[in-house]
Amino acid sequence: MGSVNIRQGSRKTRCHMAKIQGECQIVYQPNNPLPCGAVVWIEVAADTLVIPQLLEPAKEI
């Protein structure tokens, strides 16, 4: 399963989803990717609360 990378200043977090409590905007720039290679990302203000969440591992049936 892939992951979501959250970068807040120099802090980086990996998760499966994130709740964003505040204004945000989705940016798509296929001709101008970020240095990491991302062409789609979400931008939020510095004071916006972003809560990373991990999904529970799948259970065998």
C-alpha atoms as a PDB file:
ATOM      1  CA  MET A   1       0.000   0.000   0.000  1.00  0.00           C
ATOM      2  CA  GLY A   2       1.273   3.472  -0.817  1.00  0.00           C
ATOM      3  CA  SER A   3       1.621   6.277   1.646  1.00  0.00           C
ATOM      4  CA  VAL A   4       0.981   9.977   2.048  1.00  0.00           C
ATOM      5  CA  ASN A   5       4.033  12.090   2.814  1.00  0.00           C
ATOM      6  CA  ILE A   6       3.409  15.151   4.977  1.00  0.00           C
ATOM      7  CA  ARG A   7       6.104  17.801   5.117  1.00  0.00           C
ATOM      8  CA  GLN A   8       5.745  20.598   7.663  1.00  0.00           C
ATOM      9  CA  GLY A   9       8.892  22.707   7.539  1.00  0.00           C
ATOM     10  CA  SER A  10      11.772  20.282   8.096  1.00  0.00           C
ATOM     11  CA  ARG A  11       9.516  17.652   9.735  1.00  0.00           C
ATOM     12  CA  LYS A  12       8.371  14.739   7.563  1.00  0.00           C
ATOM     13  CA  THR A  13       5.670  12.185   8.395  1.00  0.00           C
ATOM     14  CA  ARG A  14       4.408   9.152   6.453  1.00  0.00           C
ATOM     15  CA  CYS A  15       0.814   8.023   6.851  1.00  0.00           C
ATOM     16  CA  HIS A  16      -2.164   6.547   5.005  1.00  0.00           C
ATOM     17  CA  MET A  17      -4.441   9.575   5.321  1.00  0.00           C
ATOM     18  CA  ALA A  18      -4.515  12.989   6.931  1.00  0.00           C
ATOM     19  CA  LYS A  19      -7.230  15.227   8.322  1.00  0.00           C
ATOM     20  CA  ILE A  20      -6.721  18.887   7.457  1.00  0.00           C
ATOM     21  CA  GLN A  21      -8.432  21.280   9.834  1.00  0.00           C
ATOM     22  CA  GLY A  22      -8.426  24.585   7.992  1.00  0.00           C
ATOM     23  CA  GLU A  23      -8.173  26.016   4.511  1.00  0.00           C
ATOM     24  CA  CYS A  24      -6.132  24.182   1.917  1.00  0.00           C
ATOM     25  CA  GLN A  25      -5.666  24.038  -1.825  1.00  0.00           C
ATOM     26  CA  ILE A  26      -4.812  21.189  -4.181  1.00  0.00           C
ATOM     27  CA  VAL A  27      -2.060  22.007  -6.687  1.00  0.00           C
ATOM     28  CA  TYR A  28      -1.483  20.062  -9.928  1.00  0.00           C
ATOM     29  CA  GLN A  29       1.641  21.055 -11.868  1.00  0.00           C
ATOM     30  CA  PRO A  30       2.766  18.214 -14.162  1.00  0.00           C
ATOM     31  CA  ASN A  31       5.208  20.525 -15.988  1.00  0.00           C
ATOM     32  CA  ASN A  32       6.710  21.923 -12.782  1.00  0.00           C
ATOM     33  CA  PRO A  33       7.023  19.091 -10.211  1.00  0.00           C
ATOM     34  CA  LEU A  34       8.447  19.542  -6.731  1.00  0.00           C
ATOM     35  CA  PRO A  35      12.086  18.477  -6.181  1.00  0.00           C
ATOM     36  CA  CYS A  36      10.771  15.147  -4.803  1.00  0.00           C
ATOM     37  CA  GLY A  37       8.955  14.503  -8.110  1.00  0.00           C
ATOM     38  CA  ALA A  38       5.397  15.176  -6.884  1.00  0.00           C
ATOM     39  CA  VAL A  39       3.087  16.687  -9.506  1.00  0.00           C
ATOM     40  CA  VAL A  40       0.054  16.907  -7.163  1.00  0.00           C
ATOM     41  CA  TRP A  41       0.173  18.218  -3.608  1.00  0.00           C
ATOM     42  CA  ILE A  42      -1.963  19.975  -1.006  1.00  0.00           C
ATOM     43  CA  GLU A  43      -0.843  23.327   0.374  1.00  0.00           C
ATOM     44  CA  VAL A  44      -1.993  24.621   3.757  1.00  0.00           C
ATOM     45  CA  ALA A  45      -1.158  27.693   5.823  1.00  0.00           C
ATOM     46  CA  ALA A  46       1.583  27.311   8.443  1.00  0.00           C
ATOM     47  CA  ASP A  47      -0.949  27.490  11.306  1.00  0.00           C
ATOM     48  CA  THR A  48      -3.298  24.844   9.838  1.00  0.00           C
ATOM     49  CA  LEU A  49      -3.603  21.653  11.886  1.00  0.00           C
ATOM     50  CA  VAL A  50      -2.784  18.499   9.896  1.00  0.00           C
ATOM     51  CA  ILE A  51      -3.443  15.199  11.686  1.00  0.00           C
ATOM     52  CA  PRO A  52      -1.718  12.149  10.143  1.00  0.00           C
ATOM     53  CA  GLN A  53      -3.497   8.804  10.556  1.00  0.00           C
ATOM     54  CA  LEU A  54      -2.370   5.216   9.979  1.00  0.00           C
ATOM     55  CA  LEU A  55      -4.778   2.530   8.853  1.00  0.00           C
ATOM     56  CA  GLU A  56      -4.965  -0.617  10.916  1.00  0.00           C
ATOM     57  CA  PRO A  57      -3.260  -3.611   9.297  1.00  0.00           C
ATOM     58  CA  ALA A  58      -5.589  -5.971   7.436  1.00  0.00           C
ATOM     59  CA  LYS A  59      -6.652  -9.014   9.419  1.00  0.00           C
ATOM     60  CA  GLU A  60      -6.589 -12.509   7.935  1.00  0.00           C
ATOM     61  CA  ILE A  61      -9.980 -14.145   7.550  1.00  0.00           C
END
